[in-house]
Amino acid sequence: MDQSAMGSEISHVEAEFRALQDIQLSPLLESRLELLVQAAEALGLDEPSTTSFNRSIIQLSSRRLNLKLSLNRATYVEEELRIHLAKLEAELALLRKWSASLNEATSMSEPTVGTETETAEILERRRTVIIRKAKEYQAQLSRLNSTASSSSTDVTISDLARIQEQNKDREKEIRRKRKKVEAFRGLPANPELARLNLLQATQKLQDLTRVRERLLGRMIDD
């Protein structure tokens, strides 16, 4: 552009500016125009047109919806994990109760001088029953540990729903086995083996609790 054309353009802009200065606006209209300019600056619009405003509002609405969906998903996952954690803590408390009962049963079963002791046949039969139940419980804990290890990878809502269904089935099985174990809770035969299995069960449940906490943190971060 040569100097004459540039000078003509500047003159044209100055003429438009002077014309705008001559326009008298009401205070209400001037206030609304000021709000319109501020809104355009806040939205980063180069041109405060209706189309630009509508486009920006649609983008903001879409972003707000996505954020709300992410928040709802994180809230759902957090609630599910809290429920699982509460159940695991209840199981841990029950294991501690069983351990205390076994300790008490052991102390009560120690023979004293002059008291009549149970026959070797009865003790051996009870010992066999306890060992069998302990093996069943250990196998169940191994399955729980395998599920917890596979859950340490990235998960989705559908994965968590599947895990929840699996946990429900495991909880039913645990309740069934708990009733059977309680039938032998006061047996004095081989208490050391029973205590060892209870300690291992406690450790497995604590590991599963930590896995659930890591999953919660990962889903919230995502």
C-alpha atoms as a PDB file:
ATOM      1  CA  MET A   1       0.000   0.000   0.000  1.00  0.00           C
ATOM      2  CA  ASP A   2       1.438   3.413  -1.024  1.00  0.00           C
ATOM      3  CA  GLN A   3       1.419   6.458   1.207  1.00  0.00           C
ATOM      4  CA  SER A   4      -1.581   8.052  -0.506  1.00  0.00           C
ATOM      5  CA  ALA A   5      -3.732   4.952   0.011  1.00  0.00           C
ATOM      6  CA  MET A   6      -2.591   4.638   3.629  1.00  0.00           C
ATOM      7  CA  GLY A   7      -3.422   8.283   4.251  1.00  0.00           C
ATOM      8  CA  SER A   8      -6.854   7.777   2.738  1.00  0.00           C
ATOM      9  CA  GLU A   9      -7.490   4.773   5.009  1.00  0.00           C
ATOM     10  CA  ILE A  10      -6.426   6.727   8.099  1.00  0.00           C
ATOM     11  CA  SER A  11      -8.676   9.607   7.124  1.00  0.00           C
ATOM     12  CA  HIS A  12     -11.585   7.232   6.690  1.00  0.00           C
ATOM     13  CA  VAL A  13     -11.035   5.714  10.162  1.00  0.00           C
ATOM     14  CA  GLU A  14     -10.758   9.158  11.739  1.00  0.00           C
ATOM     15  CA  ALA A  15     -13.999  10.204  10.060  1.00  0.00           C
ATOM     16  CA  GLU A  16     -15.790   7.149  11.428  1.00  0.00           C
ATOM     17  CA  PHE A  17     -14.370   7.804  14.891  1.00  0.00           C
ATOM     18  CA  ARG A  18     -15.606  11.404  14.840  1.00  0.00           C
ATOM     19  CA  ALA A  19     -19.018  10.227  13.661  1.00  0.00           C
ATOM     20  CA  LEU A  20     -19.211   7.798  16.554  1.00  0.00           C
ATOM     21  CA  GLN A  21     -18.246  10.518  18.988  1.00  0.00           C
ATOM     22  CA  ASP A  22     -21.187  12.590  17.802  1.00  0.00           C
ATOM     23  CA  ILE A  23     -23.641   9.781  18.629  1.00  0.00           C
ATOM     24  CA  GLN A  24     -25.392  10.284  21.942  1.00  0.00           C
ATOM     25  CA  LEU A  25     -26.404   7.087  23.748  1.00  0.00           C
ATOM     26  CA  SER A  26     -28.715   6.727  26.693  1.00  0.00           C
ATOM     27  CA  PRO A  27     -27.079   5.630  29.972  1.00  0.00           C
ATOM     28  CA  LEU A  28     -28.937   2.293  29.817  1.00  0.00           C
ATOM     29  CA  LEU A  29     -27.790   1.526  26.271  1.00  0.00           C
ATOM     30  CA  GLU A  30     -24.248   2.606  27.033  1.00  0.00           C
ATOM     31  CA  SER A  31     -24.219   0.331  30.095  1.00  0.00           C
ATOM     32  CA  ARG A  32     -25.413  -2.612  28.005  1.00  0.00           C
ATOM     33  CA  LEU A  33     -22.778  -1.960  25.364  1.00  0.00           C
ATOM     34  CA  GLU A  34     -20.124  -1.911  28.077  1.00  0.00           C
ATOM     35  CA  LEU A  35     -21.364  -5.263  29.388  1.00  0.00           C
ATOM     36  CA  LEU A  36     -21.274  -6.640  25.846  1.00  0.00           C
ATOM     37  CA  VAL A  37     -17.664  -5.537  25.411  1.00  0.00           C
ATOM     38  CA  GLN A  38     -16.677  -7.058  28.768  1.00  0.00           C
ATOM     39  CA  ALA A  39     -18.361 -10.349  27.855  1.00  0.00           C
ATOM     40  CA  ALA A  40     -16.522 -10.448  24.524  1.00  0.00           C
ATOM     41  CA  GLU A  41     -13.206  -9.841  26.280  1.00  0.00           C
ATOM     42  CA  ALA A  42     -13.946 -12.546  28.864  1.00  0.00           C
ATOM     43  CA  LEU A  43     -14.762 -15.059  26.113  1.00  0.00           C
ATOM     44  CA  GLY A  44     -11.761 -14.016  24.022  1.00  0.00           C
ATOM     45  CA  LEU A  45     -13.865 -12.937  21.052  1.00  0.00           C
ATOM     46  CA  ASP A  46     -12.332 -10.724  18.385  1.00  0.00           C
ATOM     47  CA  GLU A  47     -15.779  -9.764  17.137  1.00  0.00           C
ATOM     48  CA  PRO A  48     -18.710  -9.389  19.570  1.00  0.00           C
ATOM     49  CA  SER A  49     -21.302 -10.745  17.156  1.00  0.00           C
ATOM     50  CA  THR A  50     -24.316 -12.906  17.924  1.00  0.00           C
ATOM     51  CA  THR A  51     -22.765 -15.864  16.098  1.00  0.00           C
ATOM     52  CA  SER A  52     -19.545 -15.601  18.075  1.00  0.00           C
ATOM     53  CA  PHE A  53     -21.413 -15.406  21.373  1.00  0.00           C
ATOM     54  CA  ASN A  54     -23.595 -18.409  20.507  1.00  0.00           C
ATOM     55  CA  ARG A  55     -20.575 -20.471  19.469  1.00  0.00           C
ATOM     56  CA  SER A  56     -18.735 -19.652  22.696  1.00  0.00           C
ATOM     57  CA  ILE A  57     -21.788 -20.420  24.829  1.00  0.00           C
ATOM     58  CA  ILE A  58     -22.216 -23.807  23.119  1.00  0.00           C
ATOM     59  CA  GLN A  59     -18.554 -24.638  23.706  1.00  0.00           C
ATOM     60  CA  LEU A  60     -18.801 -23.645  27.362  1.00  0.00           C
ATOM     61  CA  SER A  61     -21.984 -25.684  27.813  1.00  0.00           C
ATOM     62  CA  SER A  62     -20.355 -28.734  26.246  1.00  0.00           C
ATOM     63  CA  ARG A  63     -17.302 -28.379  28.449  1.00  0.00           C
ATOM     64  CA  ARG A  64     -19.482 -27.953  31.551  1.00  0.00           C
ATOM     65  CA  LEU A  65     -21.439 -31.092  30.660  1.00  0.00           C
ATOM     66  CA  ASN A  66     -18.245 -33.124  30.194  1.00  0.00           C
ATOM     67  CA  LEU A  67     -16.894 -31.921  33.529  1.00  0.00           C
ATOM     68  CA  LYS A  68     -20.173 -32.777  35.236  1.00  0.00           C
ATOM     69  CA  LEU A  69     -20.129 -36.277  33.744  1.00  0.00           C
ATOM     70  CA  SER A  70     -16.544 -36.789  34.900  1.00  0.00           C
ATOM     71  CA  LEU A  71     -17.461 -35.607  38.386  1.00  0.00           C
ATOM     72  CA  ASN A  72     -20.471 -37.934  38.548  1.00  0.00           C
ATOM     73  CA  ARG A  73     -18.346 -40.847  37.365  1.00  0.00           C
ATOM     74  CA  ALA A  74     -15.677 -40.126  39.987  1.00  0.00           C
ATOM     75  CA  THR A  75     -18.358 -39.804  42.678  1.00  0.00           C
ATOM     76  CA  TYR A  76     -19.890 -43.139  41.679  1.00  0.00           C
ATOM     77  CA  VAL A  77     -16.521 -44.902  41.741  1.00  0.00           C
ATOM     78  CA  GLU A  78     -15.636 -43.328  45.082  1.00  0.00           C
ATOM     79  CA  GLU A  79     -18.915 -44.467  46.635  1.00  0.00           C
ATOM     80  CA  GLU A  80     -18.521 -48.019  45.335  1.00  0.00           C
ATOM     81  CA  LEU A  81     -14.975 -48.245  46.657  1.00  0.00           C
ATOM     82  CA  ARG A  82     -16.038 -46.862  50.030  1.00  0.00           C
ATOM     83  CA  ILE A  83     -18.664 -49.601  50.269  1.00  0.00           C
ATOM     84  CA  HIS A  84     -16.114 -52.278  49.425  1.00  0.00           C
ATOM     85  CA  LEU A  85     -13.666 -50.812  51.922  1.00  0.00           C
ATOM     86  CA  ALA A  86     -16.297 -50.864  54.667  1.00  0.00           C
ATOM     87  CA  LYS A  87     -17.049 -54.514  53.953  1.00  0.00           C
ATOM     88  CA  LEU A  88     -13.372 -55.407  54.011  1.00  0.00           C
ATOM     89  CA  GLU A  89     -12.911 -53.611  57.312  1.00  0.00           C
ATOM     90  CA  ALA A  90     -15.829 -55.585  58.722  1.00  0.00           C
ATOM     91  CA  GLU A  91     -14.225 -58.826  57.570  1.00  0.00           C
ATOM     92  CA  LEU A  92     -10.917 -57.762  59.117  1.00  0.00           C
ATOM     93  CA  ALA A  93     -12.632 -57.048  62.429  1.00  0.00           C
ATOM     94  CA  LEU A  94     -14.263 -60.471  62.290  1.00  0.00           C
ATOM     95  CA  LEU A  95     -10.902 -62.131  61.659  1.00  0.00           C
ATOM     96  CA  ARG A  96      -9.455 -60.373  64.671  1.00  0.00           C
ATOM     97  CA  LYS A  97     -12.390 -61.600  66.729  1.00  0.00           C
ATOM     98  CA  TRP A  98     -11.776 -65.150  65.559  1.00  0.00           C
ATOM     99  CA  SER A  99      -8.094 -64.841  66.433  1.00  0.00           C
ATOM    100  CA  ALA A 100      -8.958 -63.671  69.939  1.00  0.00           C
ATOM    101  CA  SER A 101     -11.419 -66.547  70.316  1.00  0.00           C
ATOM    102  CA  LEU A 102      -8.774 -69.036  69.233  1.00  0.00           C
ATOM    103  CA  ASN A 103      -6.300 -67.614  71.730  1.00  0.00           C
ATOM    104  CA  GLU A 104      -8.898 -67.886  74.466  1.00  0.00           C
ATOM    105  CA  ALA A 105      -9.802 -71.421  73.444  1.00  0.00           C
ATOM    106  CA  THR A 106      -6.130 -72.402  73.474  1.00  0.00           C
ATOM    107  CA  SER A 107      -5.595 -71.068  76.975  1.00  0.00           C
ATOM    108  CA  MET A 108      -8.738 -72.812  78.221  1.00  0.00           C
ATOM    109  CA  SER A 109      -7.804 -76.108  76.581  1.00  0.00           C
ATOM    110  CA  GLU A 110      -4.406 -76.420  78.286  1.00  0.00           C
ATOM    111  CA  PRO A 111      -4.672 -79.491  80.543  1.00  0.00           C
ATOM    112  CA  THR A 112      -4.112 -79.135  84.254  1.00  0.00           C
ATOM    113  CA  VAL A 113      -2.842 -81.773  86.658  1.00  0.00           C
ATOM    114  CA  GLY A 114      -5.605 -84.116  87.738  1.00  0.00           C
ATOM    115  CA  THR A 115      -8.149 -83.073  85.067  1.00  0.00           C
ATOM    116  CA  GLU A 116      -9.558 -85.510  82.560  1.00  0.00           C
ATOM    117  CA  THR A 117      -8.292 -84.892  78.979  1.00  0.00           C
ATOM    118  CA  GLU A 118      -9.955 -85.795  75.717  1.00  0.00           C
ATOM    119  CA  THR A 119      -8.942 -88.968  73.975  1.00  0.00           C
ATOM    120  CA  ALA A 120      -6.327 -88.947  71.214  1.00  0.00           C
ATOM    121  CA  GLU A 121      -8.902 -90.125  68.686  1.00  0.00           C
ATOM    122  CA  ILE A 122     -11.224 -87.162  69.297  1.00  0.00           C
ATOM    123  CA  LEU A 123      -8.351 -84.673  69.170  1.00  0.00           C
ATOM    124  CA  GLU A 124      -7.061 -86.148  65.916  1.00  0.00           C
ATOM    125  CA  ARG A 125     -10.525 -85.999  64.352  1.00  0.00           C
ATOM    126  CA  ARG A 126     -10.943 -82.350  65.329  1.00  0.00           C
ATOM    127  CA  ARG A 127      -7.457 -81.549  64.083  1.00  0.00           C
ATOM    128  CA  THR A 128      -8.300 -83.072  60.689  1.00  0.00           C
ATOM    129  CA  VAL A 129     -11.480 -81.000  60.423  1.00  0.00           C
ATOM    130  CA  ILE A 130      -9.667 -77.752  61.275  1.00  0.00           C
ATOM    131  CA  ILE A 131      -6.888 -78.437  58.758  1.00  0.00           C
ATOM    132  CA  ARG A 132      -9.431 -79.101  56.008  1.00  0.00           C
ATOM    133  CA  LYS A 133     -11.348 -75.891  56.763  1.00  0.00           C
ATOM    134  CA  ALA A 134      -8.102 -73.916  56.891  1.00  0.00           C
ATOM    135  CA  LYS A 135      -7.116 -75.193  53.444  1.00  0.00           C
ATOM    136  CA  GLU A 136     -10.503 -74.220  52.032  1.00  0.00           C
ATOM    137  CA  TYR A 137     -10.196 -70.745  53.501  1.00  0.00           C
ATOM    138  CA  GLN A 138      -6.640 -70.394  52.150  1.00  0.00           C
ATOM    139  CA  ALA A 139      -7.834 -71.329  48.651  1.00  0.00           C
ATOM    140  CA  GLN A 140     -10.555 -68.704  48.891  1.00  0.00           C
ATOM    141  CA  LEU A 141      -8.018 -66.069  49.938  1.00  0.00           C
ATOM    142  CA  SER A 142      -5.828 -67.022  46.965  1.00  0.00           C
ATOM    143  CA  ARG A 143      -8.748 -66.331  44.639  1.00  0.00           C
ATOM    144  CA  LEU A 144      -9.327 -62.966  46.320  1.00  0.00           C
ATOM    145  CA  ASN A 145      -5.654 -62.101  45.947  1.00  0.00           C
ATOM    146  CA  SER A 146      -5.683 -63.061  42.260  1.00  0.00           C
ATOM    147  CA  THR A 147      -8.674 -60.781  41.648  1.00  0.00           C
ATOM    148  CA  ALA A 148      -7.022 -57.928  43.549  1.00  0.00           C
ATOM    149  CA  SER A 149      -3.831 -58.265  41.470  1.00  0.00           C
ATOM    150  CA  SER A 150      -5.752 -58.162  38.176  1.00  0.00           C
ATOM    151  CA  SER A 151      -7.664 -55.076  39.417  1.00  0.00           C
ATOM    152  CA  SER A 152      -4.448 -53.075  39.856  1.00  0.00           C
ATOM    153  CA  THR A 153      -4.401 -52.221  36.095  1.00  0.00           C
ATOM    154  CA  ASP A 154      -6.439 -49.432  34.453  1.00  0.00           C
ATOM    155  CA  VAL A 155     -10.153 -49.979  34.972  1.00  0.00           C
ATOM    156  CA  THR A 156     -13.396 -48.578  33.601  1.00  0.00           C
ATOM    157  CA  ILE A 157     -16.888 -48.244  35.008  1.00  0.00           C
ATOM    158  CA  SER A 158     -17.873 -51.565  33.394  1.00  0.00           C
ATOM    159  CA  ASP A 159     -14.835 -53.238  34.985  1.00  0.00           C
ATOM    160  CA  LEU A 160     -15.843 -51.916  38.397  1.00  0.00           C
ATOM    161  CA  ALA A 161     -19.404 -53.132  37.893  1.00  0.00           C
ATOM    162  CA  ARG A 162     -18.107 -56.599  37.034  1.00  0.00           C
ATOM    163  CA  ILE A 163     -15.809 -56.571  40.066  1.00  0.00           C
ATOM    164  CA  GLN A 164     -18.764 -55.536  42.221  1.00  0.00           C
ATOM    165  CA  GLU A 165     -20.784 -58.540  41.029  1.00  0.00           C
ATOM    166  CA  GLN A 166     -17.824 -60.829  41.689  1.00  0.00           C
ATOM    167  CA  ASN A 167     -17.450 -59.355  45.160  1.00  0.00           C
ATOM    168  CA  LYS A 168     -21.109 -60.025  45.903  1.00  0.00           C
ATOM    169  CA  ASP A 169     -20.625 -63.696  45.012  1.00  0.00           C
ATOM    170  CA  ARG A 170     -17.475 -63.860  47.134  1.00  0.00           C
ATOM    171  CA  GLU A 171     -19.276 -62.236  50.057  1.00  0.00           C
ATOM    172  CA  LYS A 172     -21.973 -64.907  49.919  1.00  0.00           C
ATOM    173  CA  GLU A 173     -19.301 -67.595  49.896  1.00  0.00           C
ATOM    174  CA  ILE A 174     -17.466 -65.922  52.779  1.00  0.00           C
ATOM    175  CA  ARG A 175     -20.663 -65.771  54.845  1.00  0.00           C
ATOM    176  CA  ARG A 176     -21.287 -69.447  54.158  1.00  0.00           C
ATOM    177  CA  LYS A 177     -17.763 -70.437  55.159  1.00  0.00           C
ATOM    178  CA  ARG A 178     -17.872 -68.119  58.158  1.00  0.00           C
ATOM    179  CA  LYS A 179     -20.812 -70.057  59.569  1.00  0.00           C
ATOM    180  CA  LYS A 180     -18.906 -73.298  59.126  1.00  0.00           C
ATOM    181  CA  VAL A 181     -15.743 -71.892  60.667  1.00  0.00           C
ATOM    182  CA  GLU A 182     -17.649 -70.583  63.687  1.00  0.00           C
ATOM    183  CA  ALA A 183     -18.804 -74.133  64.353  1.00  0.00           C
ATOM    184  CA  PHE A 184     -15.157 -74.999  65.058  1.00  0.00           C
ATOM    185  CA  ARG A 185     -14.182 -71.722  66.674  1.00  0.00           C
ATOM    186  CA  GLY A 186     -13.718 -73.182  70.168  1.00  0.00           C
ATOM    187  CA  LEU A 187     -11.790 -76.288  69.103  1.00  0.00           C
ATOM    188  CA  PRO A 188      -8.413 -76.551  70.873  1.00  0.00           C
ATOM    189  CA  ALA A 189      -6.683 -78.914  68.387  1.00  0.00           C
ATOM    190  CA  ASN A 190      -3.762 -77.406  66.468  1.00  0.00           C
ATOM    191  CA  PRO A 191      -4.501 -73.724  67.315  1.00  0.00           C
ATOM    192  CA  GLU A 192      -1.131 -72.583  65.957  1.00  0.00           C
ATOM    193  CA  LEU A 193      -2.093 -73.582  62.420  1.00  0.00           C
ATOM    194  CA  ALA A 194      -5.441 -71.820  62.738  1.00  0.00           C
ATOM    195  CA  ARG A 195      -3.791 -68.632  64.016  1.00  0.00           C
ATOM    196  CA  LEU A 196      -1.292 -68.721  61.147  1.00  0.00           C
ATOM    197  CA  ASN A 197      -4.084 -68.923  58.579  1.00  0.00           C
ATOM    198  CA  LEU A 198      -5.961 -66.097  60.272  1.00  0.00           C
ATOM    199  CA  LEU A 199      -2.867 -63.905  60.156  1.00  0.00           C
ATOM    200  CA  GLN A 200      -2.458 -64.679  56.454  1.00  0.00           C
ATOM    201  CA  ALA A 201      -6.121 -63.872  55.841  1.00  0.00           C
ATOM    202  CA  THR A 202      -5.722 -60.555  57.654  1.00  0.00           C
ATOM    203  CA  GLN A 203      -2.743 -59.647  55.471  1.00  0.00           C
ATOM    204  CA  LYS A 204      -4.626 -60.546  52.277  1.00  0.00           C
ATOM    205  CA  LEU A 205      -7.574 -58.351  53.252  1.00  0.00           C
ATOM    206  CA  GLN A 206      -5.258 -55.453  54.069  1.00  0.00           C
ATOM    207  CA  ASP A 207      -3.599 -55.837  50.646  1.00  0.00           C
ATOM    208  CA  LEU A 208      -7.009 -55.800  48.976  1.00  0.00           C
ATOM    209  CA  THR A 209      -7.921 -52.638  50.883  1.00  0.00           C
ATOM    210  CA  ARG A 210      -4.787 -50.910  49.611  1.00  0.00           C
ATOM    211  CA  VAL A 211      -5.619 -51.973  46.035  1.00  0.00           C
ATOM    212  CA  ARG A 212      -9.094 -50.417  46.344  1.00  0.00           C
ATOM    213  CA  GLU A 213      -7.582 -47.173  47.646  1.00  0.00           C
ATOM    214  CA  ARG A 214      -5.160 -47.030  44.707  1.00  0.00           C
ATOM    215  CA  LEU A 215      -8.022 -47.593  42.261  1.00  0.00           C
ATOM    216  CA  LEU A 216      -9.964 -44.745  43.843  1.00  0.00           C
ATOM    217  CA  GLY A 217      -7.020 -42.392  43.560  1.00  0.00           C
ATOM    218  CA  ARG A 218      -6.406 -43.379  39.943  1.00  0.00           C
ATOM    219  CA  MET A 219     -10.007 -42.854  38.865  1.00  0.00           C
ATOM    220  CA  ILE A 220     -10.175 -39.439  40.556  1.00  0.00           C
ATOM    221  CA  ASP A 221      -6.925 -38.374  38.867  1.00  0.00           C
ATOM    222  CA  ASP A 222      -8.298 -39.434  35.469  1.00  0.00           C
END
